[in-house]
């Protein structure tokens, strides 16, 4: 018929095959350019958002130890009272770790049970500054006050003790040897984190030497240098000194106020009472494998 173009059947077949090939190439190109998530069965955007970048940063190891799995209900605001006549207990810990043959190591399980018991009994932790204000200026303290102290600055004080303390709503005082930060002891970043979260970092001297056997100038250096190092690194004032192994003499006590110390802590057992010498305050040592009944006997 005039005006009609007849196509060869072979050409139709070739044209159809070519069209299918073009469509397949287009589909393949789209598939390669847009990644497919087979598990969610959706196409995903390969460009990372700002939120993705923030998530990546948050996956880096955090400085603060992870919070304990168990949670404790928020405690009610403590009733404030005058200095209790029965005295204020000051507990002395060292390492929170099982140390075979060494009573300075308190196992994590034991420490957890002790903090849980104190929490159930309604005790409230205070700082050395709180204690000083109450002793000198009749400042009020929380009902059932307690001062929790840790000597030497072991790294497990941060990794093990602090999460447990925080779980039960307690703060503590960490007496550190400034020449022994790091190397199995807490480093300055960890100490700074503890300080920022309401804990106290105070002096246990520079080298943990027996002060009673040092000359006056040596004692002065041990006290002043450690104090200045803590203040320089953490930006906090240091007013408390813990005597290494509880050793001191008259020279030590005469030098303390000159060096800027207001409180001194010994290893002598007993509570703190109104009228006590502020430079030689008692503490109760908590040792590894201490029976719970013995621990509870320390409290009124």
Protein backbone atom coordinates (compact mmCIF):
# COMPACT_ATOMS: atom_id res chain seq x y z
CA UNK A 1 0.00 0.00 0.00
CA UNK A 2 1.25 3.49 -0.89
CA UNK A 3 2.62 5.46 2.21
CA UNK A 4 3.26 2.30 4.22
CA UNK A 5 6.84 1.24 5.05
CA UNK A 6 7.27 -2.43 5.57
CA UNK A 7 10.09 -3.47 7.98
CA UNK A 8 12.03 -6.65 7.46
CA UNK A 9 11.16 -9.19 10.23
CA UNK A 10 14.85 -9.67 10.96
CA UNK A 11 15.26 -5.94 11.52
CA UNK A 12 12.33 -5.95 13.99
CA UNK A 13 14.02 -8.70 15.99
CA UNK A 14 17.33 -6.84 16.06
CA UNK A 15 15.65 -3.54 17.06
CA UNK A 16 13.73 -5.25 19.90
CA UNK A 17 16.83 -6.94 21.25
CA UNK A 18 18.71 -3.65 21.18
CA UNK A 19 15.92 -1.91 23.11
CA UNK A 20 15.97 -4.58 25.82
CA UNK A 21 19.75 -4.29 26.06
CA UNK A 22 19.52 -0.51 26.52
CA UNK A 23 16.94 -0.91 29.32
CA UNK A 24 19.14 -3.48 31.09
CA UNK A 25 22.14 -1.14 30.93
CA UNK A 26 20.08 1.72 32.39
CA UNK A 27 18.84 -0.46 35.26
CA UNK A 28 22.34 -1.72 35.98
CA UNK A 29 23.68 1.84 36.05
CA UNK A 30 21.01 2.94 38.54
CA UNK A 31 21.73 -0.10 40.74
CA UNK A 32 25.44 0.70 40.89
CA UNK A 33 24.94 4.37 41.65
CA UNK A 34 22.37 3.90 44.43
CA UNK A 35 23.36 1.23 47.04
CA UNK A 36 20.63 -1.18 48.08
CA UNK A 37 20.10 -2.36 51.59
CA UNK A 38 18.81 -5.90 51.26
CA UNK A 39 18.01 -6.34 54.95
CA UNK A 40 15.78 -3.28 55.14
CA UNK A 41 14.70 -3.49 51.48
CA UNK A 42 15.15 0.24 50.93
CA UNK A 43 17.56 2.38 49.01
CA UNK A 44 20.02 4.17 51.23
CA UNK A 45 21.70 7.51 50.87
CA UNK A 46 25.49 7.03 50.66
CA UNK A 47 26.18 10.58 51.97
CA UNK A 48 26.82 10.78 55.73
CA UNK A 49 24.88 13.39 57.67
CA UNK A 50 26.11 15.54 60.55
CA UNK A 51 24.33 13.15 62.91
CA UNK A 52 26.39 10.27 61.52
CA UNK A 53 29.57 12.18 62.27
CA UNK A 54 28.40 12.84 65.82
CA UNK A 55 27.55 9.17 66.28
CA UNK A 56 31.01 8.17 65.13
CA UNK A 57 32.58 10.49 67.69
CA UNK A 58 30.37 9.19 70.49
CA UNK A 59 31.56 5.63 69.79
CA UNK A 60 35.07 6.49 70.96
CA UNK A 61 35.99 5.16 74.43
CA UNK A 62 34.56 7.51 77.04
CA UNK A 63 36.66 8.83 79.90
CA UNK A 64 33.92 8.22 82.43
CA UNK A 65 33.41 4.56 83.44
CA UNK A 66 30.09 3.12 82.23
CA UNK A 67 27.23 3.46 84.66
CA UNK A 68 26.40 0.29 86.60
CA UNK A 69 23.57 -1.78 85.16
CA UNK A 70 21.55 -1.57 88.36
CA UNK A 71 19.78 1.67 89.05
CA UNK A 72 19.00 3.31 92.34
CA UNK A 73 15.91 5.51 92.82
CA UNK A 74 16.78 9.18 93.35
CA UNK A 75 17.27 9.81 97.03
CA UNK A 76 15.23 12.37 98.90
CA UNK A 77 16.92 15.59 99.87
CA UNK A 78 18.85 15.00 103.06
CA UNK A 79 17.73 16.64 106.27
CA UNK A 80 20.46 19.00 107.50
CA UNK A 81 21.52 18.65 111.15
CA UNK A 82 24.16 19.92 113.57
CA UNK A 83 27.32 17.91 114.14
CA UNK A 84 26.14 14.54 115.53
CA UNK A 85 27.15 13.77 119.11
CA UNK A 86 27.92 10.19 118.13
CA UNK A 87 30.62 11.46 115.79
CA UNK A 88 31.15 11.22 112.05
CA UNK A 89 32.71 8.06 110.60
CA UNK A 90 35.55 8.50 108.12
CA UNK A 91 36.21 5.30 106.17
CA UNK A 92 39.64 4.48 104.73
CA UNK A 93 39.91 2.37 101.58
CA UNK A 94 42.85 1.66 99.31
CA UNK A 95 42.52 -0.58 96.24
CA UNK A 96 39.10 -1.87 95.18
CA UNK A 97 40.37 -5.13 93.82
CA UNK A 98 41.08 -8.63 95.08
CA UNK A 99 44.72 -8.73 96.16
CA UNK A 100 45.60 -12.22 97.45
CA UNK A 101 47.46 -11.96 100.73
CA UNK A 102 47.04 -8.18 100.91
CA UNK A 103 44.24 -6.76 103.05
CA UNK A 104 44.55 -3.34 101.36
CA UNK A 105 42.61 -4.79 98.44
CA UNK A 106 38.84 -4.79 98.95
CA UNK A 107 37.05 -7.01 96.42
CA UNK A 108 34.48 -5.30 94.20
CA UNK A 109 31.70 -7.53 95.53
CA UNK A 110 32.50 -6.60 99.13
CA UNK A 111 32.71 -2.90 98.31
CA UNK A 112 29.40 -3.01 96.46
CA UNK A 113 27.67 -4.68 99.40
CA UNK A 114 29.09 -2.08 101.80
CA UNK A 115 27.95 0.87 99.69
CA UNK A 116 24.52 -0.70 99.20
CA UNK A 117 24.15 -1.15 102.97
CA UNK A 118 25.17 2.46 103.68
CA UNK A 119 22.66 3.65 101.11
CA UNK A 120 19.85 1.57 102.62
CA UNK A 121 20.70 2.90 106.09
CA UNK A 122 20.33 6.48 104.86
CA UNK A 123 23.94 7.66 105.06
CA UNK A 124 25.02 10.72 103.08
CA UNK A 125 28.58 11.36 101.94
CA UNK A 126 30.27 14.64 102.79
CA UNK A 127 33.53 16.29 101.70
CA UNK A 128 36.50 17.36 103.84
CA UNK A 129 35.35 20.96 103.35
CA UNK A 130 31.93 20.04 104.74
CA UNK A 131 33.60 18.40 107.72
CA UNK A 132 35.80 21.42 108.35
CA UNK A 133 32.90 23.88 108.23
CA UNK A 134 30.93 21.78 110.66
CA UNK A 135 33.85 21.40 113.07
CA UNK A 136 34.93 25.05 113.01
CA UNK A 137 31.88 27.11 112.10
CA UNK A 138 29.08 24.85 113.35
CA UNK A 139 28.01 24.30 109.76
CA UNK A 140 25.15 21.88 109.22
CA UNK A 141 25.76 18.43 107.74
CA UNK A 142 23.35 15.92 106.17
CA UNK A 143 21.66 13.51 108.50
CA UNK A 144 23.85 10.41 108.97
CA UNK A 145 26.98 11.97 107.44
CA UNK A 146 29.95 9.88 106.32
CA UNK A 147 33.30 10.73 104.73
CA UNK A 148 34.61 8.11 102.29
CA UNK A 149 38.35 8.26 101.60
CA UNK A 150 40.72 6.34 99.31
CA UNK A 151 44.49 6.36 99.78
CA UNK A 152 47.27 6.22 97.16
CA UNK A 153 45.24 6.78 93.97
CA UNK A 154 44.94 3.29 92.47
CA UNK A 155 43.48 3.16 88.96
CA UNK A 156 40.71 0.84 90.17
CA UNK A 157 39.42 3.71 92.32
CA UNK A 158 38.27 5.24 89.05
CA UNK A 159 37.36 2.13 87.04
CA UNK A 160 35.72 0.10 89.83
CA UNK A 161 34.99 2.21 92.91
CA UNK A 162 33.66 5.35 91.24
CA UNK A 163 30.85 3.66 89.24
CA UNK A 164 29.66 1.96 92.43
CA UNK A 165 29.87 5.15 94.47
CA UNK A 166 27.93 7.01 91.80
CA UNK A 167 25.33 4.26 91.62
CA UNK A 168 24.48 4.73 95.29
CA UNK A 169 24.65 8.51 95.26
CA UNK A 170 27.97 8.88 97.10
CA UNK A 171 31.00 11.12 96.55
CA UNK A 172 34.46 10.45 97.94
CA UNK A 173 37.88 11.91 98.70
CA UNK A 174 40.93 10.54 96.88
CA UNK A 175 44.33 11.11 98.51
CA UNK A 176 46.90 10.78 95.73
CA UNK A 177 50.68 10.41 95.54
CA UNK A 178 51.51 13.03 92.93
CA UNK A 179 54.72 11.35 91.76
CA UNK A 180 52.81 8.14 91.02
CA UNK A 181 50.04 9.18 88.64
CA UNK A 182 49.58 6.75 85.76
CA UNK A 183 51.32 3.32 85.65
CA UNK A 184 48.54 1.46 87.44
CA UNK A 185 47.47 4.58 89.31
CA UNK A 186 44.90 7.18 88.26
CA UNK A 187 46.09 9.68 85.67
CA UNK A 188 45.37 13.40 85.69
CA UNK A 189 42.50 13.11 83.18
CA UNK A 190 40.74 10.61 85.43
CA UNK A 191 41.39 12.71 88.51
CA UNK A 192 40.06 15.76 86.71
CA UNK A 193 36.90 13.85 85.81
CA UNK A 194 36.41 12.78 89.43
CA UNK A 195 36.86 16.36 90.60
CA UNK A 196 34.39 17.71 88.06
CA UNK A 197 31.78 15.20 89.24
CA UNK A 198 31.85 16.42 92.83
CA UNK A 199 34.61 14.33 94.36
CA UNK A 200 37.61 15.69 96.27
CA UNK A 201 41.23 15.10 95.26
CA UNK A 202 43.72 15.81 98.07
CA UNK A 203 47.34 15.21 99.02
CA UNK A 204 49.09 12.01 100.06
CA UNK A 205 52.46 13.78 99.52
CA UNK A 206 54.79 13.51 96.52
CA UNK A 207 56.59 10.22 97.17
CA UNK A 208 54.68 8.51 100.04
CA UNK A 209 57.64 8.68 102.42
CA UNK A 210 57.59 8.37 106.21
CA UNK A 211 57.29 12.04 107.16
CA UNK A 212 58.47 11.39 110.70
CA UNK A 213 61.90 10.39 109.36
CA UNK A 214 62.38 13.36 107.01
CA UNK A 215 64.07 16.66 107.74
CA UNK A 216 61.98 19.79 108.04
CA UNK A 217 62.87 20.93 104.53
CA UNK A 218 62.10 17.51 103.08
CA UNK A 219 58.74 17.39 104.80
CA UNK A 220 57.93 20.88 103.59
CA UNK A 221 58.71 19.90 100.01
CA UNK A 222 56.57 16.74 100.19
CA UNK A 223 53.60 18.78 101.41
CA UNK A 224 53.90 21.92 99.31
CA UNK A 225 54.86 20.36 95.97
CA UNK A 226 52.07 17.79 96.07
CA UNK A 227 49.54 20.48 96.95
CA UNK A 228 50.72 22.75 94.13
CA UNK A 229 50.71 19.92 91.58
CA UNK A 230 47.11 18.99 92.33
CA UNK A 231 45.98 22.61 92.27
CA UNK A 232 47.82 23.24 89.00
CA UNK A 233 46.45 20.17 87.21
CA UNK A 234 42.89 20.31 88.50
CA UNK A 235 42.30 23.97 89.25
CA UNK A 236 40.99 23.27 92.75
CA UNK A 237 42.15 24.24 96.22
CA UNK A 238 43.77 21.54 98.36
CA UNK A 239 43.31 21.80 102.13
CA UNK A 240 43.57 18.18 103.28
CA UNK A 241 46.62 15.97 103.82
CA UNK A 242 46.69 12.26 104.48
CA UNK A 243 49.88 11.08 106.22
CA UNK A 244 51.64 8.23 104.36
CA UNK A 245 51.23 5.09 106.48
CA UNK A 246 49.84 7.39 109.17
CA UNK A 247 53.34 8.59 110.15
CA UNK A 248 54.01 12.18 111.27
CA UNK A 249 55.68 14.18 114.05
CA UNK A 250 55.53 17.60 115.69
CA UNK A 251 57.41 19.15 112.79
CA UNK A 252 54.77 17.81 110.40
CA UNK A 253 51.95 19.40 112.38
CA UNK A 254 53.81 22.72 112.64
CA UNK A 255 54.42 22.83 108.88
CA UNK A 256 50.88 21.94 107.78
CA UNK A 257 49.19 25.34 108.40
CA UNK A 258 52.13 27.13 106.78
CA UNK A 259 51.70 24.94 103.69
CA UNK A 260 47.99 25.73 103.55
CA UNK A 261 46.51 22.56 105.06
CA UNK A 262 43.51 22.76 107.38
CA UNK A 263 42.82 19.05 107.90
CA UNK A 264 45.08 16.06 108.47
CA UNK A 265 43.99 12.41 108.35
CA UNK A 266 45.68 9.57 110.20
CA UNK A 267 45.28 5.79 110.28
CA UNK A 268 44.18 5.82 113.92
CA UNK A 269 40.83 4.06 114.33
CA UNK A 270 37.80 5.96 115.55
CA UNK A 271 35.25 8.55 114.52
CA UNK A 272 35.64 12.32 114.30
CA UNK A 273 34.12 14.32 117.17
CA UNK A 274 33.68 18.00 117.95
CA UNK A 275 36.81 19.25 119.64
CA UNK A 276 39.19 16.82 117.88
CA UNK A 277 42.54 18.11 116.63
CA UNK A 278 41.85 19.04 113.00
CA UNK A 279 45.33 17.98 111.94
CA UNK A 280 45.13 14.42 113.32
CA UNK A 281 41.65 13.12 112.51
CA UNK A 282 40.78 9.45 112.96
CA UNK A 283 39.65 7.05 110.25
CA UNK A 284 38.28 3.53 110.18
CA UNK A 285 40.26 1.15 107.95
CA UNK A 286 38.18 -1.13 105.74
CA UNK A 287 40.13 -4.25 104.82
CA UNK A 288 39.64 -7.04 102.33
CA UNK A 289 37.41 -9.94 103.45
CA UNK A 290 36.06 -7.83 106.32
CA UNK A 291 32.88 -9.56 107.57
CA UNK A 292 29.74 -7.54 106.95
CA UNK A 293 28.89 -7.72 110.64
CA UNK A 294 32.23 -6.08 111.48
CA UNK A 295 31.57 -3.36 108.94
CA UNK A 296 28.11 -2.66 110.32
CA UNK A 297 29.46 -2.57 113.90
CA UNK A 298 31.38 0.61 113.00
CA UNK A 299 28.17 2.61 112.74
CA UNK A 300 25.85 3.83 115.51
